[in-house]
C-alpha cells in the first residue's frame, strides 16, 4: 500500500491574515481596546514618572516639562481614553446603531498608540507630530460619537459632544502652552481638565450609579432628582468657567463657594443613593466610594481657595486618583464583564485593587500636609501600579476573549 501523501496546508495570504487580525475579539467593541491599552499605558506612565522622581532616568531634550508630561499622559493617555472607550460602547445602547469596530476601530487605536509612543519619548523634535496625531484621535472620536447621536436624534446626550470637544480644546491648549514655555498656563489648564472630568462624572455617574444600585440590590427604587441634576450641572459648569478665567483676570467672586456647593450637591446625591446592601457588592461600593471622593475632592478644592488647610494640588489628587481613578477601575470592571456576557461578579482580587486605589488617593492628599510630599508621590504611585496590574491580571483574559454565549 503506497504511503499517504501529506497535503500541505495552504499558506494564508495577506488579506486573510489582515481579516483574521481585524476580527479578533479586541476589535469587537471600543471598550475592549480602550480599557486594555489605556491601562497598560498608565502602568508605563507611572513607571516612567517614578523613574523621573527618583532620578533613575530623564528625558533627553524634553518637549514637555516632566510634570506636564505626567499630567498629560494620565489625563489624556489614560482617563480620556477610557472615557471615550466607554461612550463609544454605550452609544450603541443609547442610539440602537452600530458603533465603531473591526478595522476602523483598529486604525482609531493605531492613532492613539502612535501618540502614546511619541509622547513617551517626549523629544522636542517629535512634539509637533505627536500633537497632530493626538488631535486627529480626538477628531475621530468626537466625529464617530456625534455622528451616531445626531443620526439617531439622541438629544439627551448632545451635551457630551460639547464636553468632549472642550476636553480636546484643553488638550491642545495645554500642549501648545507648555511647548511655548508658558508652563504656568499649561498647569492651570491641566487642572481645568481635571475639573472637566468632574462635570463628565456628574453627568455619567449621575445616571449609572443609581441604575446599577437599583439593579444590583433589586429591592429598591431610585427616584429621579431632575432639579438636583440640573442645579449640579449649572454649578459645576460655572465653577469651571470661573476657575479657567481666574488665571487671566481678577474675578469679583471666587469659585470657592461654587466648588463647595458642587461638592455638597454630590454628597446629597450620594446620600439619596445610599443603601447598606451596597457593601456586599464590590462593583457597587467601589462606585459609591469613587463618588464620595468626587464630593470630598470638590469640597477640598473650594477650601483650598479660602484656608491653608489643604493645597489645591492635594485636593485635585483626591479627584484624579480617588474619584477618576477609582471610578474608572470600577466601571472598567463592570463594563468588561457585562459586555462580554459574563456574570457581574469580579474576582476577589479586584476588591484589593479598589482599596489600593482609594488608599493611594488618601496618601497623595494627606501626606504632603504632614511634611512628607516625596513619600506621598512614591507611595501613591506604587499603590496605583499595584491596582492597575491587578486589573490587567484579572481582565486581560476577559478583554481578549470572545463574548460568552449561554
Protein backbone atom coordinates (compact mmCIF):
# COMPACT_ATOMS: atom_id res chain seq x y z
CA UNK A 1 0.00 0.00 0.00
CA UNK A 2 1.58 3.32 -1.04
CA UNK A 3 2.25 5.81 1.76
CA UNK A 4 -0.36 8.53 2.23
CA UNK A 5 0.57 11.82 0.71
CA UNK A 6 0.85 14.76 3.05
CA UNK A 7 -1.12 17.66 1.66
CA UNK A 8 0.39 20.92 2.88
CA UNK A 9 -1.98 23.44 4.34
CA UNK A 10 -2.40 26.49 2.14
CA UNK A 11 -0.42 29.48 3.33
CA UNK A 12 -2.84 32.30 4.15
CA UNK A 13 -2.41 35.38 2.02
CA UNK A 14 -2.01 38.88 3.41
CA UNK A 15 -5.72 39.66 3.12
CA UNK A 16 -6.67 36.57 5.12
CA UNK A 17 -4.16 37.45 7.83
CA UNK A 18 -5.49 41.02 7.97
CA UNK A 19 -9.10 39.82 8.11
CA UNK A 20 -8.25 37.44 10.94
CA UNK A 21 -6.50 40.23 12.86
CA UNK A 22 -9.34 42.71 12.49
CA UNK A 23 -11.84 40.02 13.55
CA UNK A 24 -10.06 39.45 16.87
CA UNK A 25 -12.31 39.99 19.93
CA UNK A 26 -10.15 43.00 20.84
CA UNK A 27 -11.77 44.93 17.97
CA UNK A 28 -15.39 43.85 18.60
CA UNK A 29 -16.28 46.96 20.62
CA UNK A 30 -14.39 50.11 21.64
CA UNK A 31 -14.30 49.32 25.35
CA UNK A 32 -12.04 46.29 24.84
CA UNK A 33 -9.12 48.04 23.16
CA UNK A 34 -9.53 51.33 25.05
CA UNK A 35 -9.69 49.73 28.51
CA UNK A 36 -6.82 47.33 27.88
CA UNK A 37 -4.42 49.69 26.13
CA UNK A 38 -5.18 52.66 28.39
CA UNK A 39 -4.49 50.54 31.48
CA UNK A 40 -1.19 49.33 30.03
CA UNK A 41 -0.35 52.92 29.12
CA UNK A 42 -0.99 54.11 32.68
CA UNK A 43 1.37 51.45 34.04
CA UNK A 44 4.15 52.61 31.69
CA UNK A 45 3.41 56.26 32.51
CA UNK A 46 3.61 55.71 36.27
CA UNK A 47 6.79 53.62 35.99
CA UNK A 48 8.32 56.41 33.89
CA UNK A 49 7.16 59.00 36.43
CA UNK A 50 8.67 57.02 39.31
CA UNK A 51 11.94 56.88 37.39
CA UNK A 52 11.91 60.66 36.94
CA UNK A 53 11.09 61.26 40.62
CA UNK A 54 13.98 59.01 41.69
CA UNK A 55 16.44 60.29 39.07
CA UNK A 56 16.74 56.82 37.52
CA UNK A 57 16.37 58.43 34.09
CA UNK A 58 15.37 61.68 32.46
CA UNK A 59 14.02 62.88 29.14
CA UNK A 60 16.59 63.93 26.54
CA UNK A 61 15.67 67.34 25.10
CA UNK A 62 12.13 67.17 26.52
CA UNK A 63 9.29 68.88 24.69
CA UNK A 64 7.03 68.88 27.75
CA UNK A 65 8.18 69.62 31.27
CA UNK A 66 8.13 66.38 33.33
CA UNK A 67 5.17 67.45 35.49
CA UNK A 68 3.11 68.36 32.43
CA UNK A 69 4.12 65.13 30.71
CA UNK A 70 2.86 63.18 33.75
CA UNK A 71 -0.36 65.19 33.80
CA UNK A 72 -0.90 64.75 30.06
CA UNK A 73 -0.37 61.01 29.93
CA UNK A 74 -2.55 60.28 32.96
CA UNK A 75 -5.40 62.60 31.98
CA UNK A 76 -5.38 62.02 28.23
CA UNK A 77 -3.41 58.83 27.62
CA UNK A 78 -5.36 57.03 30.35
CA UNK A 79 -8.51 58.71 31.69
CA UNK A 80 -9.81 60.33 28.50
CA UNK A 81 -9.12 57.14 26.55
CA UNK A 82 -11.21 55.07 28.96
CA UNK A 83 -13.99 57.69 28.86
CA UNK A 84 -14.03 57.59 25.06
CA UNK A 85 -13.99 53.78 25.06
CA UNK A 86 -16.97 53.72 27.42
CA UNK A 87 -19.03 56.26 25.47
CA UNK A 88 -18.27 54.72 22.06
CA UNK A 89 -19.60 51.46 23.52
CA UNK A 90 -22.57 52.96 25.38
CA UNK A 91 -23.65 54.96 22.32
CA UNK A 92 -24.85 51.70 20.75
CA UNK A 93 -27.30 51.26 23.62
CA UNK A 94 -28.31 54.92 23.55
CA UNK A 95 -28.97 55.03 19.79
CA UNK A 96 -29.56 51.44 18.65
CA UNK A 97 -26.90 52.00 15.96
CA UNK A 98 -23.67 50.05 15.50
CA UNK A 99 -20.61 51.84 16.82
CA UNK A 100 -17.02 51.65 15.63
CA UNK A 101 -15.46 48.17 15.49
CA UNK A 102 -13.17 45.96 13.42
CA UNK A 103 -10.75 47.65 11.03
CA UNK A 104 -11.89 51.26 11.74
CA UNK A 105 -11.50 50.68 15.49
CA UNK A 106 -8.02 49.21 14.99
CA UNK A 107 -6.99 52.23 12.91
CA UNK A 108 -8.51 54.55 15.52
CA UNK A 109 -6.42 52.89 18.23
CA UNK A 110 -3.36 52.99 15.99
CA UNK A 111 -3.61 56.79 16.08
CA UNK A 112 -3.78 56.59 19.86
CA UNK A 113 -0.81 54.21 20.04
CA UNK A 114 1.36 56.41 17.81
CA UNK A 115 0.56 59.41 20.01
CA UNK A 116 1.44 57.47 23.17
CA UNK A 117 4.75 56.22 21.78
CA UNK A 118 5.84 59.63 20.53
CA UNK A 119 4.80 61.38 23.75
CA UNK A 120 6.59 58.68 25.74
CA UNK A 121 9.89 59.72 24.14
CA UNK A 122 8.89 63.36 24.83
CA UNK A 123 11.53 64.74 22.46
CA UNK A 124 11.34 68.30 21.20
CA UNK A 125 11.90 67.17 17.60
CA UNK A 126 8.79 64.95 17.72
CA UNK A 127 6.32 67.08 19.65
CA UNK A 128 4.51 68.67 16.68
CA UNK A 129 3.78 65.29 15.01
CA UNK A 130 2.68 64.00 18.42
CA UNK A 131 0.24 66.88 18.86
CA UNK A 132 -1.14 66.40 15.34
CA UNK A 133 -1.76 62.68 15.90
CA UNK A 134 -3.29 63.30 19.34
CA UNK A 135 -5.73 65.81 17.88
CA UNK A 136 -6.58 63.52 14.95
CA UNK A 137 -7.51 60.90 17.55
CA UNK A 138 -9.81 63.39 19.29
CA UNK A 139 -11.42 64.44 15.99
CA UNK A 140 -12.06 60.80 15.06
CA UNK A 141 -13.55 60.01 18.48
CA UNK A 142 -15.86 63.01 18.54
CA UNK A 143 -16.90 62.53 14.90
CA UNK A 144 -17.89 58.88 15.44
CA UNK A 145 -19.74 59.70 18.65
CA UNK A 146 -21.52 62.80 17.33
CA UNK A 147 -22.49 61.16 14.03
CA UNK A 148 -24.32 58.34 15.83
CA UNK A 149 -26.08 60.67 18.26
CA UNK A 150 -27.20 63.07 15.53
CA UNK A 151 -28.27 60.25 13.21
CA UNK A 152 -30.47 58.82 15.98
CA UNK A 153 -31.54 62.32 17.13
CA UNK A 154 -30.46 61.35 20.65
CA UNK A 155 -30.62 64.88 22.02
CA UNK A 156 -30.26 63.78 25.63
CA UNK A 157 -26.57 63.11 25.04
CA UNK A 158 -25.69 66.09 22.83
CA UNK A 159 -24.16 67.73 25.91
CA UNK A 160 -21.45 65.05 25.90
CA UNK A 161 -20.36 66.17 22.42
CA UNK A 162 -19.71 69.63 23.87
CA UNK A 163 -17.88 68.17 26.89
CA UNK A 164 -15.55 66.05 24.75
CA UNK A 165 -14.95 68.96 22.36
CA UNK A 166 -13.92 71.20 25.27
CA UNK A 167 -11.64 68.43 26.54
CA UNK A 168 -9.98 68.24 23.12
CA UNK A 169 -9.52 72.02 23.06
CA UNK A 170 -7.98 71.89 26.54
CA UNK A 171 -5.68 69.08 25.41
CA UNK A 172 -4.39 71.20 22.51
CA UNK A 173 -4.12 74.32 24.67
CA UNK A 174 -2.12 72.52 27.37
CA UNK A 175 0.36 71.20 24.84
CA UNK A 176 0.79 74.49 23.00
CA UNK A 177 1.19 76.44 26.25
CA UNK A 178 3.88 74.12 27.60
CA UNK A 179 5.96 73.84 24.43
CA UNK A 180 5.87 77.63 24.10
CA UNK A 181 7.36 77.99 27.59
CA UNK A 182 4.21 79.04 29.46
CA UNK A 183 4.25 76.16 31.94
CA UNK A 184 2.14 78.04 34.49
CA UNK A 185 -0.70 78.38 31.98
CA UNK A 186 -0.31 74.75 30.92
CA UNK A 187 -0.56 73.61 34.54
CA UNK A 188 -3.63 75.78 35.10
CA UNK A 189 -5.32 74.33 32.02
CA UNK A 190 -4.35 70.83 33.17
CA UNK A 191 -6.10 71.47 36.46
CA UNK A 192 -9.06 72.77 34.47
CA UNK A 193 -9.11 69.44 32.65
CA UNK A 194 -9.39 67.64 35.99
CA UNK A 195 -12.42 69.79 36.73
CA UNK A 196 -13.88 68.98 33.30
CA UNK A 197 -13.78 65.34 34.36
CA UNK A 198 -15.89 66.22 37.41
CA UNK A 199 -18.51 67.60 35.02
CA UNK A 200 -18.37 64.43 32.93
CA UNK A 201 -18.72 62.33 36.08
CA UNK A 202 -21.65 64.43 37.27
CA UNK A 203 -23.43 63.50 34.03
CA UNK A 204 -22.43 59.85 33.58
CA UNK A 205 -22.20 58.76 37.22
CA UNK A 206 -25.46 60.54 37.93
CA UNK A 207 -27.12 58.07 35.56
CA UNK A 208 -25.24 54.84 36.10
CA UNK A 209 -24.75 54.75 39.88
CA UNK A 210 -28.47 54.87 40.81
CA UNK A 211 -29.26 52.49 37.93
CA UNK A 212 -26.56 49.98 38.91
CA UNK A 213 -27.51 50.30 42.59
CA UNK A 214 -31.17 49.61 41.84
CA UNK A 215 -30.31 46.64 39.62
CA UNK A 216 -27.68 45.26 41.99
CA UNK A 217 -29.77 45.35 45.15
CA UNK A 218 -33.07 44.59 43.45
CA UNK A 219 -35.40 45.59 46.27
CA UNK A 220 -35.20 49.38 45.97
CA UNK A 221 -36.39 52.04 43.57
CA UNK A 222 -34.25 55.12 42.89
CA UNK A 223 -36.43 58.18 42.43
CA UNK A 224 -35.15 60.71 39.86
CA UNK A 225 -33.97 64.12 41.08
CA UNK A 226 -34.15 66.35 37.99
CA UNK A 227 -33.87 69.65 39.90
CA UNK A 228 -30.74 68.50 41.74
CA UNK A 229 -29.25 67.20 38.49
CA UNK A 230 -29.85 70.50 36.69
CA UNK A 231 -28.52 72.55 39.60
CA UNK A 232 -25.39 70.41 39.75
CA UNK A 233 -24.70 70.83 36.04
CA UNK A 234 -25.05 74.61 36.22
CA UNK A 235 -22.97 74.95 39.39
CA UNK A 236 -20.26 72.65 38.01
CA UNK A 237 -20.06 74.40 34.64
CA UNK A 238 -20.00 77.87 36.22
CA UNK A 239 -17.30 76.93 38.74
CA UNK A 240 -15.10 75.52 35.96
CA UNK A 241 -15.60 78.64 33.83
CA UNK A 242 -14.66 80.86 36.78
CA UNK A 243 -11.61 78.72 37.55
CA UNK A 244 -10.35 78.94 33.96
CA UNK A 245 -10.88 82.69 33.58
CA UNK A 246 -9.36 83.36 37.01
CA UNK A 247 -5.91 82.80 35.50
CA UNK A 248 -6.38 85.67 33.06
CA UNK A 249 -8.22 88.27 35.15
CA UNK A 250 -9.16 89.08 38.72
CA UNK A 251 -12.69 87.94 39.44
CA UNK A 252 -15.27 89.72 41.61
CA UNK A 253 -16.23 86.34 43.07
CA UNK A 254 -14.11 83.33 43.98
CA UNK A 255 -15.01 79.92 42.56
CA UNK A 256 -14.52 78.53 46.08
CA UNK A 257 -18.18 78.86 47.05
CA UNK A 258 -19.29 77.11 43.86
CA UNK A 259 -16.82 74.25 44.35
CA UNK A 260 -18.13 73.77 47.88
CA UNK A 261 -21.72 73.94 46.64
CA UNK A 262 -20.92 71.39 43.94
CA UNK A 263 -19.34 69.06 46.50
CA UNK A 264 -22.40 69.47 48.72
CA UNK A 265 -24.77 68.59 45.88
CA UNK A 266 -22.73 65.48 45.10
CA UNK A 267 -22.94 64.47 48.77
CA UNK A 268 -26.72 65.00 48.70
CA UNK A 269 -26.95 62.72 45.66
CA UNK A 270 -24.80 60.10 47.38
CA UNK A 271 -26.98 60.10 50.49
CA UNK A 272 -30.09 59.58 48.35
CA UNK A 273 -28.44 56.64 46.56
CA UNK A 274 -27.17 55.01 49.74
CA UNK A 275 -28.30 51.57 50.87
CA UNK A 276 -26.44 49.39 53.34
CA UNK A 277 -26.57 46.47 50.89
CA UNK A 278 -24.01 48.18 48.63
CA UNK A 279 -21.25 46.91 50.93
CA UNK A 280 -22.00 43.34 49.88
CA UNK A 281 -21.23 44.10 46.22
CA UNK A 282 -17.70 45.27 45.26
CA UNK A 283 -18.91 46.76 41.96
CA UNK A 284 -21.29 48.98 43.94
CA UNK A 285 -19.23 50.04 46.96
CA UNK A 286 -16.32 50.93 44.70
CA UNK A 287 -18.56 53.19 42.58
CA UNK A 288 -20.10 54.84 45.63
CA UNK A 289 -16.62 55.23 47.12
CA UNK A 290 -15.36 56.93 43.96
CA UNK A 291 -18.32 59.28 44.03
CA UNK A 292 -17.58 60.10 47.67
CA UNK A 293 -14.04 61.04 46.63
CA UNK A 294 -15.55 63.30 43.96
CA UNK A 295 -17.62 65.15 46.55
CA UNK A 296 -14.74 65.39 49.04
CA UNK A 297 -12.32 66.48 46.33
CA UNK A 298 -14.56 69.34 45.24
CA UNK A 299 -15.15 70.41 48.83
CA UNK A 300 -11.39 70.34 49.43
CA UNK A 301 -10.80 72.31 46.22
CA UNK A 302 -13.14 75.02 47.47
CA UNK A 303 -11.50 75.06 50.90
CA UNK A 304 -8.02 75.37 49.30
CA UNK A 305 -9.03 78.83 48.00
CA UNK A 306 -10.10 80.01 51.44
CA UNK A 307 -7.81 78.41 54.05
CA UNK A 308 -4.37 76.74 54.01
CA UNK A 309 -5.81 73.51 55.39
CA UNK A 310 -5.13 71.67 52.15
CA UNK A 311 -3.32 72.65 48.96
CA UNK A 312 -5.04 72.84 45.59
CA UNK A 313 -2.74 70.09 44.30
CA UNK A 314 -3.67 67.74 47.14
CA UNK A 315 -7.37 68.48 46.68
CA UNK A 316 -7.20 67.78 42.96
CA UNK A 317 -5.41 64.48 43.58
CA UNK A 318 -8.37 63.38 45.68
CA UNK A 319 -10.28 63.80 42.42
CA UNK A 320 -7.71 62.38 39.99
CA UNK A 321 -6.83 59.24 41.97
CA UNK A 322 -9.84 58.75 44.23
CA UNK A 323 -12.71 59.88 42.00
CA UNK A 324 -11.49 59.49 38.41
CA UNK A 325 -9.12 56.57 39.01
CA UNK A 326 -11.39 54.52 41.27
CA UNK A 327 -14.49 55.17 39.17
CA UNK A 328 -12.61 54.15 36.03
CA UNK A 329 -11.37 50.97 37.68
CA UNK A 330 -14.86 50.10 38.91
CA UNK A 331 -16.56 50.93 35.60
CA UNK A 332 -13.97 49.03 33.57
CA UNK A 333 -14.54 46.01 35.81
CA UNK A 334 -18.31 46.13 35.40
CA UNK A 335 -18.46 47.01 31.70
CA UNK A 336 -15.85 44.37 30.80
CA UNK A 337 -17.94 41.68 32.48
CA UNK A 338 -21.35 42.88 31.31
CA UNK A 339 -20.45 43.47 27.67
CA UNK A 340 -18.68 40.12 27.33
CA UNK A 341 -21.66 38.14 28.63
CA UNK A 342 -20.13 37.28 31.99
CA UNK A 343 -21.76 37.42 35.45
CA UNK A 344 -21.25 40.73 37.24
CA UNK A 345 -19.04 39.11 39.85
CA UNK A 346 -15.45 40.34 39.77
CA UNK A 347 -12.61 38.23 41.09
CA UNK A 348 -11.96 38.78 44.83
CA UNK A 349 -8.58 40.28 43.95
CA UNK A 350 -10.37 43.28 42.42
CA UNK A 351 -11.62 44.32 45.86
CA UNK A 352 -7.98 44.67 46.86
CA UNK A 353 -7.34 46.80 43.76
CA UNK A 354 -10.21 49.13 44.71
CA UNK A 355 -8.85 49.51 48.26
CA UNK A 356 -5.31 50.11 46.97
CA UNK A 357 -6.50 52.93 44.73
CA UNK A 358 -8.57 54.54 47.49
CA UNK A 359 -5.52 54.34 49.77
CA UNK A 360 -3.37 55.92 47.06
CA UNK A 361 -5.75 58.89 46.91
CA UNK A 362 -5.63 59.42 50.68
CA UNK A 363 -1.84 59.06 50.78
CA UNK A 364 -1.35 61.58 47.96
CA UNK A 365 -3.76 64.08 49.53
CA UNK A 366 -2.80 63.81 53.22
CA UNK A 367 0.94 63.09 53.48
CA UNK A 368 2.13 66.36 51.84
CA UNK A 369 0.33 68.28 54.59
CA UNK A 370 2.19 66.20 57.17
CA UNK A 371 5.56 67.17 55.73
CA UNK A 372 6.12 64.07 53.59
CA UNK A 373 5.43 65.10 49.98
CA UNK A 374 8.10 62.88 48.42
CA UNK A 375 6.82 59.83 50.29
CA UNK A 376 3.28 60.65 49.12
CA UNK A 377 4.40 60.75 45.47
CA UNK A 378 6.32 57.48 45.73
CA UNK A 379 3.77 55.52 47.76
CA UNK A 380 0.70 56.67 45.82
CA UNK A 381 2.45 55.78 42.54
CA UNK A 382 3.28 52.29 43.79
CA UNK A 383 -0.28 51.74 45.03
CA UNK A 384 -1.64 52.88 41.65
CA UNK A 385 0.71 50.48 39.88
CA UNK A 386 -0.41 47.55 42.01
CA UNK A 387 -4.10 48.34 41.45
CA UNK A 388 -3.75 48.59 37.67
CA UNK A 389 -1.58 45.48 37.46
CA UNK A 390 -4.27 43.57 39.36
CA UNK A 391 -6.87 44.84 36.88
CA UNK A 392 -4.73 43.72 33.94
CA UNK A 393 -4.17 40.32 35.54
CA UNK A 394 -7.91 39.82 36.07
CA UNK A 395 -9.23 41.37 32.86
CA UNK A 396 -6.70 40.71 30.08
CA UNK A 397 -8.26 37.25 29.54
CA UNK A 398 -11.76 38.80 29.54
CA UNK A 399 -10.99 41.64 27.12
CA UNK A 400 -9.11 39.38 24.69
CA UNK A 401 -11.64 36.53 24.70
CA UNK A 402 -14.88 36.21 22.69
CA UNK A 403 -18.19 37.09 24.27
CA UNK A 404 -19.65 34.28 26.37
CA UNK A 405 -22.69 32.65 24.80
CA UNK A 406 -25.28 30.98 27.02
